[in-house]
Amino acid sequence: MSMAVRAATFRLLGSGLVQEDTVAGWLGRLASAAPAPGGGAAAALAAAAGAALVEMVVNLTVGRAAYAAHADEVAAIGVEAGGLRQRALDLMTADADAFEAVMAAYRLPKQTADEQRRRRAAIQDATARAAEPPLRVAEVAGRVVELAAALPGRSNPNVLSDVGVAAALARAALASAAINVEVNLAGLTDEAVRLPLRAELDRHLGAAERAAAVVASVRRELAG
């Protein structure tokens, strides 16, 4: 099947944002002037793609006699990766919904002092909530890194390059998610709300170094 046909027929299922839509169609919306989908959804898609590659490596390993010694462990990795892929796809929708909630808060009336107070509170609440989807994307991506890191030496070496790509995509998702968390943190005035979100993000970002190590290791192995 040609790449053009693949792009035209492959469908991203499991997310209301992209259900029954082609990859090309979704990317067209991403490229448009519409405010959503945006960077947060793109970060989630990268995480989902990384998880899917982990699943692919698992599916090309489990059931083959040469890798039977690690079959149970590798199969468990595939099951978890499948759950992470679905969660990432769901977060694509959650991110768009959160953005719309922020925009709705900014559209609230502000003629009177009471309206202004209510509007400020609504904006702060919506902004804090908008940090959650990309924060969860960072969490998913970090776990995808850990799963990818567990595969070399246990999985089919013929698809080692896909393990590296999975880690690279997860690392990109982490960095992209961080940007989307931070843009919301910048709008929060309550340190009691902002600081715990910042701390959690920093914990997830620790996986970026592990992802870089996986990628470097794979590339060394492939280079011989």
N, C-alpha and C. Protein backbone atom coordinates (compact mmCIF):
# COMPACT_ATOMS: atom_id res chain seq x y z
N MET A 1 0.85 -1.20 0.00
CA MET A 1 0.00 0.00 0.00
C MET A 1 0.89 1.25 0.00
N SER A 2 0.61 2.21 -0.85
CA SER A 2 1.43 3.40 -0.93
C SER A 2 1.24 4.27 0.30
N MET A 3 2.23 5.15 0.57
CA MET A 3 2.11 6.05 1.70
C MET A 3 0.93 6.99 1.53
N ALA A 4 0.64 7.40 0.29
CA ALA A 4 -0.49 8.30 0.05
C ALA A 4 -1.80 7.62 0.42
N VAL A 5 -1.94 6.34 0.04
CA VAL A 5 -3.16 5.62 0.38
C VAL A 5 -3.25 5.42 1.88
N ARG A 6 -2.11 5.10 2.53
CA ARG A 6 -2.11 4.94 3.98
C ARG A 6 -2.61 6.22 4.65
N ALA A 7 -2.10 7.37 4.22
CA ALA A 7 -2.48 8.64 4.83
C ALA A 7 -3.95 8.93 4.62
N ALA A 8 -4.48 8.49 3.51
CA ALA A 8 -5.88 8.79 3.20
C ALA A 8 -6.85 7.88 3.92
N THR A 9 -6.38 6.68 4.31
CA THR A 9 -7.32 5.72 4.86
C THR A 9 -7.16 5.48 6.35
N PHE A 10 -5.99 5.75 6.91
CA PHE A 10 -5.78 5.52 8.33
C PHE A 10 -6.65 6.46 9.15
N ARG A 11 -7.30 5.94 10.19
CA ARG A 11 -8.18 6.76 11.00
C ARG A 11 -7.74 6.74 12.45
N LEU A 12 -7.75 7.90 13.08
CA LEU A 12 -7.43 8.00 14.50
C LEU A 12 -8.72 7.81 15.28
N LEU A 13 -8.86 6.66 15.92
CA LEU A 13 -10.07 6.37 16.66
C LEU A 13 -9.83 6.55 18.15
N GLY A 14 -10.92 6.69 18.92
CA GLY A 14 -10.81 6.75 20.36
C GLY A 14 -10.83 8.16 20.91
N SER A 15 -10.86 9.15 20.11
CA SER A 15 -10.94 10.53 20.56
C SER A 15 -12.05 11.23 19.81
N GLY A 16 -12.92 11.88 20.55
CA GLY A 16 -14.02 12.58 19.90
C GLY A 16 -13.55 13.65 18.94
N LEU A 17 -12.36 14.20 19.23
CA LEU A 17 -11.84 15.27 18.39
C LEU A 17 -11.50 14.79 16.99
N VAL A 18 -11.03 13.55 16.88
CA VAL A 18 -10.56 13.08 15.58
C VAL A 18 -11.27 11.81 15.11
N GLN A 19 -12.30 11.39 15.83
CA GLN A 19 -12.95 10.15 15.46
C GLN A 19 -13.53 10.24 14.05
N GLU A 20 -13.35 9.14 13.31
CA GLU A 20 -13.84 9.03 11.94
C GLU A 20 -13.28 10.14 11.03
N ASP A 21 -12.08 10.54 11.31
CA ASP A 21 -11.43 11.56 10.48
C ASP A 21 -10.10 11.00 10.02
N THR A 22 -9.63 11.45 8.87
CA THR A 22 -8.33 11.00 8.41
C THR A 22 -7.23 11.81 9.08
N VAL A 23 -6.03 11.25 9.08
CA VAL A 23 -4.88 11.97 9.60
C VAL A 23 -4.71 13.28 8.85
N ALA A 24 -4.84 13.23 7.53
CA ALA A 24 -4.67 14.44 6.72
C ALA A 24 -5.71 15.48 7.08
N GLY A 25 -6.94 15.06 7.32
CA GLY A 25 -8.00 16.00 7.69
C GLY A 25 -7.73 16.66 9.03
N TRP A 26 -7.28 15.85 10.00
CA TRP A 26 -6.98 16.42 11.32
C TRP A 26 -5.82 17.39 11.24
N LEU A 27 -4.80 17.03 10.49
CA LEU A 27 -3.66 17.94 10.34
C LEU A 27 -4.06 19.21 9.60
N GLY A 28 -5.03 19.09 8.70
CA GLY A 28 -5.54 20.29 8.04
C GLY A 28 -6.18 21.24 9.04
N ARG A 29 -6.93 20.69 9.98
CA ARG A 29 -7.52 21.54 11.02
C ARG A 29 -6.45 22.12 11.93
N LEU A 30 -5.43 21.32 12.22
CA LEU A 30 -4.33 21.83 13.04
C LEU A 30 -3.63 22.99 12.34
N ALA A 31 -3.53 22.90 11.02
CA ALA A 31 -2.84 23.94 10.25
C ALA A 31 -3.68 25.19 10.04
N SER A 32 -4.99 25.09 10.29
CA SER A 32 -5.89 26.19 9.99
C SER A 32 -5.80 27.29 11.05
N ALA A 33 -6.57 28.35 10.85
CA ALA A 33 -6.61 29.45 11.81
C ALA A 33 -7.49 29.15 13.01
N ALA A 34 -8.15 27.99 13.02
CA ALA A 34 -8.99 27.63 14.16
C ALA A 34 -8.11 27.49 15.41
N PRO A 35 -8.59 27.97 16.56
CA PRO A 35 -7.77 27.92 17.78
C PRO A 35 -7.55 26.52 18.33
N ALA A 36 -8.42 25.59 17.95
CA ALA A 36 -8.26 24.20 18.40
C ALA A 36 -8.62 23.28 17.25
N PRO A 37 -7.89 22.17 17.09
CA PRO A 37 -6.79 21.69 17.92
C PRO A 37 -5.55 22.54 17.80
N GLY A 38 -4.71 22.46 18.81
CA GLY A 38 -3.48 23.23 18.81
C GLY A 38 -2.32 22.42 19.34
N GLY A 39 -1.37 23.12 19.95
CA GLY A 39 -0.16 22.48 20.40
C GLY A 39 -0.38 21.39 21.44
N GLY A 40 -1.36 21.58 22.30
CA GLY A 40 -1.63 20.57 23.32
C GLY A 40 -2.08 19.26 22.72
N ALA A 41 -2.97 19.35 21.73
CA ALA A 41 -3.44 18.14 21.05
C ALA A 41 -2.31 17.49 20.26
N ALA A 42 -1.46 18.30 19.65
CA ALA A 42 -0.33 17.75 18.91
C ALA A 42 0.63 17.01 19.85
N ALA A 43 0.83 17.55 21.05
CA ALA A 43 1.68 16.87 22.03
C ALA A 43 1.08 15.52 22.40
N ALA A 44 -0.23 15.49 22.60
CA ALA A 44 -0.90 14.24 22.94
C ALA A 44 -0.79 13.22 21.81
N LEU A 45 -0.89 13.70 20.57
CA LEU A 45 -0.76 12.80 19.43
C LEU A 45 0.64 12.18 19.37
N ALA A 46 1.66 12.97 19.68
CA ALA A 46 3.02 12.44 19.70
C ALA A 46 3.17 11.35 20.76
N ALA A 47 2.56 11.58 21.92
CA ALA A 47 2.60 10.57 22.98
C ALA A 47 1.88 9.30 22.55
N ALA A 48 0.73 9.47 21.88
CA ALA A 48 -0.03 8.31 21.40
C ALA A 48 0.77 7.53 20.37
N ALA A 49 1.46 8.23 19.48
CA ALA A 49 2.26 7.56 18.46
C ALA A 49 3.42 6.79 19.09
N GLY A 50 4.04 7.37 20.11
CA GLY A 50 5.10 6.67 20.81
C GLY A 50 4.60 5.40 21.46
N ALA A 51 3.43 5.49 22.11
CA ALA A 51 2.85 4.31 22.75
C ALA A 51 2.51 3.25 21.71
N ALA A 52 1.99 3.67 20.57
CA ALA A 52 1.63 2.73 19.51
C ALA A 52 2.86 1.99 18.99
N LEU A 53 3.98 2.67 18.88
CA LEU A 53 5.20 2.01 18.43
C LEU A 53 5.69 0.98 19.46
N VAL A 54 5.54 1.31 20.73
CA VAL A 54 5.87 0.31 21.76
C VAL A 54 5.00 -0.92 21.56
N GLU A 55 3.71 -0.71 21.32
CA GLU A 55 2.81 -1.84 21.06
C GLU A 55 3.25 -2.65 19.85
N MET A 56 3.67 -1.95 18.80
CA MET A 56 4.09 -2.64 17.60
C MET A 56 5.28 -3.55 17.87
N VAL A 57 6.26 -3.04 18.61
CA VAL A 57 7.43 -3.83 18.95
C VAL A 57 7.00 -5.06 19.76
N VAL A 58 6.08 -4.86 20.68
CA VAL A 58 5.58 -5.98 21.47
C VAL A 58 4.91 -7.02 20.58
N ASN A 59 4.09 -6.56 19.66
CA ASN A 59 3.36 -7.48 18.79
C ASN A 59 4.27 -8.23 17.83
N LEU A 60 5.45 -7.69 17.58
CA LEU A 60 6.43 -8.38 16.74
C LEU A 60 7.42 -9.20 17.56
N THR A 61 7.15 -9.28 18.85
CA THR A 61 8.01 -10.04 19.76
C THR A 61 7.27 -11.22 20.39
N VAL A 62 6.12 -10.93 20.98
CA VAL A 62 5.36 -11.96 21.69
C VAL A 62 4.86 -13.03 20.71
N GLY A 63 5.01 -14.28 21.10
CA GLY A 63 4.58 -15.37 20.24
C GLY A 63 5.68 -15.95 19.39
N ARG A 64 6.87 -15.35 19.44
CA ARG A 64 8.01 -15.86 18.68
C ARG A 64 8.95 -16.59 19.62
N ALA A 65 9.29 -17.79 19.22
CA ALA A 65 10.06 -18.68 20.11
C ALA A 65 11.38 -18.06 20.55
N ALA A 66 12.01 -17.30 19.70
CA ALA A 66 13.32 -16.73 20.03
C ALA A 66 13.27 -15.78 21.22
N TYR A 67 12.09 -15.23 21.51
CA TYR A 67 11.97 -14.24 22.58
C TYR A 67 11.04 -14.72 23.69
N ALA A 68 10.83 -16.03 23.76
CA ALA A 68 9.87 -16.60 24.70
C ALA A 68 10.26 -16.34 26.15
N ALA A 69 11.53 -16.22 26.44
CA ALA A 69 11.99 -16.04 27.82
C ALA A 69 11.42 -14.79 28.47
N HIS A 70 11.15 -13.79 27.66
CA HIS A 70 10.64 -12.51 28.19
C HIS A 70 9.20 -12.25 27.75
N ALA A 71 8.51 -13.26 27.27
CA ALA A 71 7.20 -13.05 26.66
C ALA A 71 6.20 -12.42 27.61
N ASP A 72 6.13 -12.90 28.84
CA ASP A 72 5.14 -12.37 29.77
C ASP A 72 5.42 -10.91 30.10
N GLU A 73 6.67 -10.60 30.33
CA GLU A 73 7.05 -9.22 30.66
C GLU A 73 6.78 -8.29 29.48
N VAL A 74 7.14 -8.73 28.30
CA VAL A 74 6.92 -7.90 27.12
C VAL A 74 5.44 -7.75 26.82
N ALA A 75 4.67 -8.80 27.00
CA ALA A 75 3.22 -8.72 26.78
C ALA A 75 2.59 -7.70 27.72
N ALA A 76 3.03 -7.67 28.97
CA ALA A 76 2.50 -6.70 29.93
C ALA A 76 2.82 -5.27 29.50
N ILE A 77 4.00 -5.08 28.94
CA ILE A 77 4.38 -3.76 28.41
C ILE A 77 3.40 -3.35 27.31
N GLY A 78 3.06 -4.30 26.45
CA GLY A 78 2.13 -3.98 25.36
C GLY A 78 0.75 -3.60 25.85
N VAL A 79 0.27 -4.30 26.87
CA VAL A 79 -1.04 -3.97 27.43
C VAL A 79 -1.04 -2.56 28.01
N GLU A 80 0.00 -2.24 28.77
CA GLU A 80 0.06 -0.89 29.35
C GLU A 80 0.20 0.17 28.26
N ALA A 81 0.99 -0.12 27.25
CA ALA A 81 1.16 0.84 26.16
C ALA A 81 -0.16 1.11 25.45
N GLY A 82 -0.98 0.06 25.28
CA GLY A 82 -2.28 0.26 24.66
C GLY A 82 -3.17 1.19 25.47
N GLY A 83 -3.14 1.04 26.79
CA GLY A 83 -3.90 1.95 27.63
C GLY A 83 -3.40 3.38 27.55
N LEU A 84 -2.09 3.53 27.48
CA LEU A 84 -1.51 4.88 27.37
C LEU A 84 -1.86 5.52 26.03
N ARG A 85 -1.87 4.71 24.98
CA ARG A 85 -2.25 5.25 23.66
C ARG A 85 -3.68 5.79 23.70
N GLN A 86 -4.59 5.02 24.28
CA GLN A 86 -5.97 5.47 24.36
C GLN A 86 -6.10 6.72 25.22
N ARG A 87 -5.37 6.73 26.34
CA ARG A 87 -5.43 7.90 27.21
C ARG A 87 -4.93 9.15 26.50
N ALA A 88 -3.85 9.01 25.75
CA ALA A 88 -3.31 10.16 25.02
C ALA A 88 -4.31 10.67 23.99
N LEU A 89 -4.99 9.76 23.29
CA LEU A 89 -6.00 10.18 22.32
C LEU A 89 -7.13 10.91 23.01
N ASP A 90 -7.56 10.43 24.16
CA ASP A 90 -8.62 11.11 24.90
C ASP A 90 -8.17 12.50 25.34
N LEU A 91 -6.90 12.64 25.65
CA LEU A 91 -6.38 13.94 26.09
C LEU A 91 -6.35 14.96 24.95
N MET A 92 -6.35 14.49 23.71
CA MET A 92 -6.46 15.42 22.60
C MET A 92 -7.77 16.19 22.68
N THR A 93 -8.85 15.49 23.00
CA THR A 93 -10.16 16.12 23.15
C THR A 93 -10.20 16.98 24.40
N ALA A 94 -9.65 16.45 25.50
CA ALA A 94 -9.66 17.18 26.77
C ALA A 94 -8.94 18.51 26.65
N ASP A 95 -7.84 18.52 25.90
CA ASP A 95 -7.08 19.75 25.74
C ASP A 95 -7.90 20.81 25.00
N ALA A 96 -8.58 20.39 23.93
CA ALA A 96 -9.41 21.34 23.18
C ALA A 96 -10.56 21.85 24.04
N ASP A 97 -11.17 20.96 24.81
CA ASP A 97 -12.27 21.37 25.68
C ASP A 97 -11.81 22.37 26.72
N ALA A 98 -10.63 22.14 27.29
CA ALA A 98 -10.10 23.04 28.31
C ALA A 98 -9.81 24.42 27.72
N PHE A 99 -9.30 24.45 26.51
CA PHE A 99 -9.03 25.73 25.85
C PHE A 99 -10.33 26.50 25.63
N GLU A 100 -11.36 25.79 25.19
CA GLU A 100 -12.65 26.45 24.98
C GLU A 100 -13.19 27.02 26.28
N ALA A 101 -12.97 26.34 27.39
CA ALA A 101 -13.44 26.83 28.68
C ALA A 101 -12.72 28.12 29.08
N VAL A 102 -11.43 28.20 28.77
CA VAL A 102 -10.69 29.43 29.04
C VAL A 102 -11.24 30.58 28.20
N MET A 103 -11.47 30.32 26.94
CA MET A 103 -12.01 31.36 26.06
C MET A 103 -13.39 31.81 26.53
N ALA A 104 -14.19 30.88 27.00
CA ALA A 104 -15.53 31.22 27.51
C ALA A 104 -15.42 32.13 28.73
N ALA A 105 -14.44 31.86 29.58
CA ALA A 105 -14.24 32.69 30.77
C ALA A 105 -13.85 34.11 30.38
N TYR A 106 -13.00 34.25 29.37
CA TYR A 106 -12.60 35.58 28.91
C TYR A 106 -13.76 36.35 28.28
N ARG A 107 -14.75 35.62 27.79
CA ARG A 107 -15.90 36.28 27.17
C ARG A 107 -16.98 36.71 28.17
N LEU A 108 -16.80 36.41 29.44
CA LEU A 108 -17.79 36.78 30.45
C LEU A 108 -17.90 38.31 30.55
N PRO A 109 -19.08 38.79 30.92
CA PRO A 109 -19.26 40.25 31.02
C PRO A 109 -18.35 40.86 32.08
N LYS A 110 -17.98 42.12 31.87
CA LYS A 110 -17.07 42.79 32.81
C LYS A 110 -17.42 44.27 32.96
N GLN A 111 -18.70 44.54 32.95
CA GLN A 111 -19.15 45.92 33.04
C GLN A 111 -19.12 46.44 34.48
N THR A 112 -19.51 45.60 35.43
CA THR A 112 -19.57 46.04 36.82
C THR A 112 -18.40 45.44 37.60
N ALA A 113 -18.20 45.99 38.79
CA ALA A 113 -17.11 45.48 39.64
C ALA A 113 -17.36 44.01 40.00
N ASP A 114 -18.62 43.66 40.24
CA ASP A 114 -18.94 42.27 40.57
C ASP A 114 -18.68 41.35 39.38
N GLU A 115 -19.07 41.81 38.20
CA GLU A 115 -18.82 41.01 37.00
C GLU A 115 -17.32 40.83 36.76
N GLN A 116 -16.57 41.87 36.99
CA GLN A 116 -15.12 41.78 36.82
C GLN A 116 -14.51 40.78 37.80
N ARG A 117 -15.00 40.81 39.04
CA ARG A 117 -14.50 39.87 40.04
C ARG A 117 -14.82 38.44 39.63
N ARG A 118 -16.06 38.22 39.21
CA ARG A 118 -16.47 36.88 38.79
C ARG A 118 -15.66 36.42 37.56
N ARG A 119 -15.45 37.34 36.66
CA ARG A 119 -14.70 37.00 35.45
C ARG A 119 -13.26 36.61 35.79
N ARG A 120 -12.61 37.39 36.65
CA ARG A 120 -11.23 37.07 37.04
C ARG A 120 -11.15 35.69 37.69
N ALA A 121 -12.10 35.41 38.56
CA ALA A 121 -12.11 34.11 39.24
C ALA A 121 -12.33 32.98 38.24
N ALA A 122 -13.24 33.20 37.28
CA ALA A 122 -13.52 32.18 36.27
C ALA A 122 -12.30 31.94 35.39
N ILE A 123 -11.61 33.01 35.04
CA ILE A 123 -10.40 32.87 34.21
C ILE A 123 -9.33 32.08 34.95
N GLN A 124 -9.13 32.39 36.23
CA GLN A 124 -8.13 31.67 37.02
C GLN A 124 -8.48 30.19 37.13
N ASP A 125 -9.76 29.90 37.39
CA ASP A 125 -10.18 28.52 37.51
C ASP A 125 -10.00 27.77 36.20
N ALA A 126 -10.43 28.38 35.09
CA ALA A 126 -10.32 27.72 33.78
C ALA A 126 -8.86 27.54 33.38
N THR A 127 -8.02 28.50 33.72
CA THR A 127 -6.60 28.41 33.38
C THR A 127 -5.93 27.28 34.14
N ALA A 128 -6.26 27.15 35.42
CA ALA A 128 -5.72 26.04 36.21
C ALA A 128 -6.17 24.71 35.64
N ARG A 129 -7.43 24.63 35.24
CA ARG A 129 -7.95 23.39 34.66
C ARG A 129 -7.30 23.10 33.31
N ALA A 130 -6.97 24.15 32.57
CA ALA A 130 -6.36 23.97 31.25
C ALA A 130 -4.94 23.42 31.36
N ALA A 131 -4.31 23.57 32.51
CA ALA A 131 -2.98 23.00 32.70
C ALA A 131 -3.03 21.49 32.88
N GLU A 132 -4.20 20.97 33.23
CA GLU A 132 -4.29 19.54 33.55
C GLU A 132 -4.09 18.62 32.34
N PRO A 133 -4.77 18.85 31.19
CA PRO A 133 -4.55 17.92 30.07
C PRO A 133 -3.10 17.80 29.64
N PRO A 134 -2.37 18.91 29.42
CA PRO A 134 -0.97 18.73 29.05
C PRO A 134 -0.12 18.13 30.17
N LEU A 135 -0.50 18.37 31.41
CA LEU A 135 0.21 17.74 32.52
C LEU A 135 0.03 16.22 32.47
N ARG A 136 -1.17 15.79 32.13
CA ARG A 136 -1.43 14.35 31.99
C ARG A 136 -0.72 13.79 30.76
N VAL A 137 -0.61 14.60 29.71
CA VAL A 137 0.16 14.16 28.53
C VAL A 137 1.62 13.93 28.93
N ALA A 138 2.17 14.83 29.73
CA ALA A 138 3.54 14.66 30.21
C ALA A 138 3.67 13.38 31.02
N GLU A 139 2.66 13.09 31.82
CA GLU A 139 2.67 11.86 32.61
C GLU A 139 2.65 10.63 31.70
N VAL A 140 1.78 10.64 30.72
CA VAL A 140 1.70 9.54 29.76
C VAL A 140 3.02 9.37 29.02
N ALA A 141 3.55 10.48 28.53
CA ALA A 141 4.80 10.42 27.76
C ALA A 141 5.94 9.87 28.61
N GLY A 142 6.00 10.28 29.86
CA GLY A 142 7.04 9.78 30.74
C GLY A 142 6.95 8.28 30.92
N ARG A 143 5.74 7.78 31.01
CA ARG A 143 5.57 6.34 31.15
C ARG A 143 5.91 5.61 29.85
N VAL A 144 5.60 6.21 28.71
CA VAL A 144 5.97 5.60 27.43
C VAL A 144 7.49 5.47 27.35
N VAL A 145 8.20 6.47 27.83
CA VAL A 145 9.67 6.39 27.86
C VAL A 145 10.11 5.18 28.67
N GLU A 146 9.52 4.99 29.84
CA GLU A 146 9.91 3.88 30.70
C GLU A 146 9.63 2.54 30.02
N LEU A 147 8.52 2.43 29.34
CA LEU A 147 8.19 1.18 28.65
C LEU A 147 9.17 0.93 27.50
N ALA A 148 9.48 1.97 26.74
CA ALA A 148 10.43 1.82 25.65
C ALA A 148 11.80 1.40 26.17
N ALA A 149 12.19 1.99 27.29
CA ALA A 149 13.50 1.67 27.87
C ALA A 149 13.59 0.22 28.33
N ALA A 150 12.44 -0.38 28.65
CA ALA A 150 12.42 -1.76 29.13
C ALA A 150 12.49 -2.79 28.02
N LEU A 151 12.36 -2.38 26.77
CA LEU A 151 12.29 -3.33 25.67
C LEU A 151 13.64 -3.86 25.16
N PRO A 152 14.64 -3.03 24.95
CA PRO A 152 15.91 -3.57 24.41
C PRO A 152 16.45 -4.71 25.27
N GLY A 153 16.85 -5.78 24.59
CA GLY A 153 17.33 -6.96 25.30
C GLY A 153 16.24 -7.95 25.61
N ARG A 154 14.99 -7.51 25.50
CA ARG A 154 13.85 -8.38 25.74
C ARG A 154 12.98 -8.56 24.50
N SER A 155 13.08 -7.62 23.59
CA SER A 155 12.19 -7.60 22.43
C SER A 155 12.94 -7.95 21.15
N ASN A 156 12.20 -8.06 20.08
CA ASN A 156 12.73 -8.40 18.76
C ASN A 156 13.74 -7.33 18.32
N PRO A 157 15.01 -7.68 18.15
CA PRO A 157 16.01 -6.67 17.78
C PRO A 157 15.83 -6.13 16.36
N ASN A 158 15.04 -6.82 15.55
CA ASN A 158 14.81 -6.34 14.19
C ASN A 158 13.99 -5.06 14.15
N VAL A 159 13.32 -4.75 15.26
CA VAL A 159 12.55 -3.50 15.34
C VAL A 159 13.10 -2.59 16.43
N LEU A 160 14.39 -2.71 16.69
CA LEU A 160 15.03 -1.85 17.69
C LEU A 160 14.90 -0.39 17.31
N SER A 161 14.97 -0.08 16.02
CA SER A 161 14.85 1.31 15.58
C SER A 161 13.51 1.90 16.01
N ASP A 162 12.46 1.08 16.04
CA ASP A 162 11.14 1.58 16.44
C ASP A 162 11.07 1.87 17.94
N VAL A 163 11.87 1.13 18.71
CA VAL A 163 11.98 1.45 20.14
C VAL A 163 12.58 2.85 20.29
N GLY A 164 13.62 3.13 19.50
CA GLY A 164 14.23 4.45 19.56
C GLY A 164 13.29 5.55 19.14
N VAL A 165 12.52 5.30 18.10
CA VAL A 165 11.56 6.31 17.64
C VAL A 165 10.47 6.52 18.69
N ALA A 166 10.03 5.45 19.33
CA ALA A 166 9.03 5.57 20.40
C ALA A 166 9.54 6.48 21.51
N ALA A 167 10.80 6.28 21.91
CA ALA A 167 11.38 7.12 22.96
C ALA A 167 11.53 8.56 22.49
N ALA A 168 11.92 8.74 21.23
CA ALA A 168 12.09 10.10 20.69
C ALA A 168 10.75 10.84 20.64
N LEU A 169 9.70 10.13 20.21
CA LEU A 169 8.38 10.75 20.16
C LEU A 169 7.88 11.10 21.56
N ALA A 170 8.13 10.20 22.51
CA ALA A 170 7.71 10.48 23.88
C ALA A 170 8.46 11.68 24.45
N ARG A 171 9.74 11.77 24.11
CA ARG A 171 10.52 12.92 24.57
C ARG A 171 9.97 14.22 23.97
N ALA A 172 9.62 14.18 22.69
CA ALA A 172 9.03 15.36 22.05
C ALA A 172 7.69 15.71 22.69
N ALA A 173 6.90 14.68 23.01
CA ALA A 173 5.62 14.93 23.68
C ALA A 173 5.82 15.57 25.04
N LEU A 174 6.84 15.11 25.76
CA LEU A 174 7.15 15.70 27.07
C LEU A 174 7.47 17.19 26.96
N ALA A 175 8.37 17.52 26.05
CA ALA A 175 8.76 18.92 25.88
C ALA A 175 7.58 19.76 25.43
N SER A 176 6.77 19.22 24.52
CA SER A 176 5.62 19.95 23.99
C SER A 176 4.56 20.14 25.07
N ALA A 177 4.33 19.10 25.86
CA ALA A 177 3.37 19.20 26.95
C ALA A 177 3.82 20.24 27.97
N ALA A 178 5.13 20.26 28.25
CA ALA A 178 5.65 21.22 29.22
C ALA A 178 5.37 22.65 28.79
N ILE A 179 5.54 22.93 27.50
CA ILE A 179 5.25 24.28 27.00
C ILE A 179 3.80 24.64 27.26
N ASN A 180 2.90 23.68 27.04
CA ASN A 180 1.48 23.96 27.21
C ASN A 180 1.08 24.06 28.67
N VAL A 181 1.77 23.35 29.55
CA VAL A 181 1.52 23.55 30.98
C VAL A 181 2.02 24.93 31.39
N GLU A 182 3.20 25.27 30.95
CA GLU A 182 3.84 26.51 31.40
C GLU A 182 3.10 27.75 30.92
N VAL A 183 2.51 27.70 29.75
CA VAL A 183 1.77 28.86 29.28
C VAL A 183 0.55 29.12 30.16
N ASN A 184 0.00 28.07 30.73
CA ASN A 184 -1.11 28.25 31.66
C ASN A 184 -0.62 28.66 33.05
N LEU A 185 0.50 28.09 33.48
CA LEU A 185 1.04 28.47 34.78
C LEU A 185 1.37 29.96 34.82
N ALA A 186 1.80 30.49 33.70
CA ALA A 186 2.15 31.92 33.64
C ALA A 186 0.96 32.82 33.91
N GLY A 187 -0.25 32.30 33.66
CA GLY A 187 -1.45 33.10 33.87
C GLY A 187 -2.07 32.94 35.25
N LEU A 188 -1.48 32.10 36.08
CA LEU A 188 -2.04 31.86 37.42
C LEU A 188 -1.42 32.80 38.44
N THR A 189 -2.26 33.40 39.26
CA THR A 189 -1.77 34.34 40.27
C THR A 189 -1.67 33.72 41.66
N ASP A 190 -2.33 32.59 41.87
CA ASP A 190 -2.35 31.94 43.18
C ASP A 190 -1.20 30.92 43.25
N GLU A 191 -0.20 31.22 44.05
CA GLU A 191 0.95 30.33 44.17
C GLU A 191 0.56 28.96 44.72
N ALA A 192 -0.47 28.92 45.55
CA ALA A 192 -0.92 27.64 46.11
C ALA A 192 -1.47 26.72 45.03
N VAL A 193 -1.92 27.30 43.93
CA VAL A 193 -2.39 26.51 42.79
C VAL A 193 -1.25 26.24 41.82
N ARG A 194 -0.45 27.25 41.58
CA ARG A 194 0.58 27.16 40.55
C ARG A 194 1.73 26.24 40.95
N LEU A 195 2.21 26.34 42.18
CA LEU A 195 3.42 25.62 42.57
C LEU A 195 3.27 24.09 42.54
N PRO A 196 2.16 23.53 43.00
CA PRO A 196 2.03 22.07 42.89
C PRO A 196 1.99 21.58 41.44
N LEU A 197 1.39 22.36 40.56
CA LEU A 197 1.38 21.99 39.15
C LEU A 197 2.79 22.02 38.58
N ARG A 198 3.55 23.05 38.95
CA ARG A 198 4.94 23.16 38.50
C ARG A 198 5.77 21.99 39.01
N ALA A 199 5.56 21.64 40.26
CA ALA A 199 6.34 20.55 40.86
C ALA A 199 6.03 19.22 40.17
N GLU A 200 4.76 18.98 39.87
CA GLU A 200 4.41 17.73 39.19
C GLU A 200 5.01 17.69 37.79
N LEU A 201 4.94 18.80 37.08
CA LEU A 201 5.54 18.85 35.75
C LEU A 201 7.02 18.52 35.81
N ASP A 202 7.72 19.09 36.77
CA ASP A 202 9.16 18.84 36.89
C ASP A 202 9.44 17.36 37.13
N ARG A 203 8.57 16.70 37.88
CA ARG A 203 8.77 15.27 38.12
C ARG A 203 8.65 14.48 36.82
N HIS A 204 7.66 14.82 36.01
CA HIS A 204 7.48 14.11 34.74
C HIS A 204 8.62 14.39 33.78
N LEU A 205 9.14 15.61 33.81
CA LEU A 205 10.21 15.99 32.88
C LEU A 205 11.50 15.24 33.15
N GLY A 206 11.60 14.62 34.31
CA GLY A 206 12.78 13.81 34.59
C GLY A 206 12.96 12.67 33.61
N ALA A 207 11.85 12.26 32.96
CA ALA A 207 11.93 11.16 31.98
C ALA A 207 12.60 11.58 30.68
N ALA A 208 12.75 12.88 30.45
CA ALA A 208 13.36 13.33 29.20
C ALA A 208 14.80 12.85 29.08
N GLU A 209 15.53 12.87 30.18
CA GLU A 209 16.92 12.41 30.17
C GLU A 209 16.98 10.91 29.87
N ARG A 210 16.04 10.16 30.42
CA ARG A 210 15.99 8.72 30.14
C ARG A 210 15.68 8.49 28.67
N ALA A 211 14.78 9.27 28.12
CA ALA A 211 14.43 9.12 26.70
C ALA A 211 15.65 9.39 25.83
N ALA A 212 16.40 10.44 26.15
CA ALA A 212 17.60 10.76 25.37
C ALA A 212 18.60 9.61 25.44
N ALA A 213 18.71 8.98 26.60
CA ALA A 213 19.64 7.87 26.75
C ALA A 213 19.20 6.67 25.91
N VAL A 214 17.90 6.41 25.86
CA VAL A 214 17.39 5.31 25.04
C VAL A 214 17.68 5.56 23.57
N VAL A 215 17.39 6.77 23.12
CA VAL A 215 17.64 7.12 21.72
C VAL A 215 19.12 6.97 21.38
N ALA A 216 19.98 7.49 22.25
CA ALA A 216 21.42 7.41 22.00
C ALA A 216 21.90 5.96 21.96
N SER A 217 21.38 5.15 22.86
CA SER A 217 21.77 3.74 22.91
C SER A 217 21.34 3.01 21.64
N VAL A 218 20.11 3.27 21.20
CA VAL A 218 19.61 2.63 19.98
C VAL A 218 20.45 3.04 18.78
N ARG A 219 20.77 4.31 18.70
CA ARG A 219 21.54 4.77 17.56
C ARG A 219 22.96 4.17 17.55
N ARG A 220 23.54 4.02 18.72
CA ARG A 220 24.87 3.37 18.80
C ARG A 220 24.77 1.93 18.34
N GLU A 221 23.72 1.24 18.79
CA GLU A 221 23.55 -0.16 18.42
C GLU A 221 23.35 -0.30 16.92
N LEU A 222 22.56 0.57 16.35
CA LEU A 222 22.28 0.49 14.91
C LEU A 222 23.52 0.82 14.08
N ALA A 223 24.35 1.71 14.62
CA ALA A 223 25.57 2.12 13.90
C ALA A 223 26.64 1.03 13.96
N GLY A 224 26.44 0.08 14.87
CA GLY A 224 27.43 -1.00 15.00
C GLY A 224 28.63 -0.57 15.78
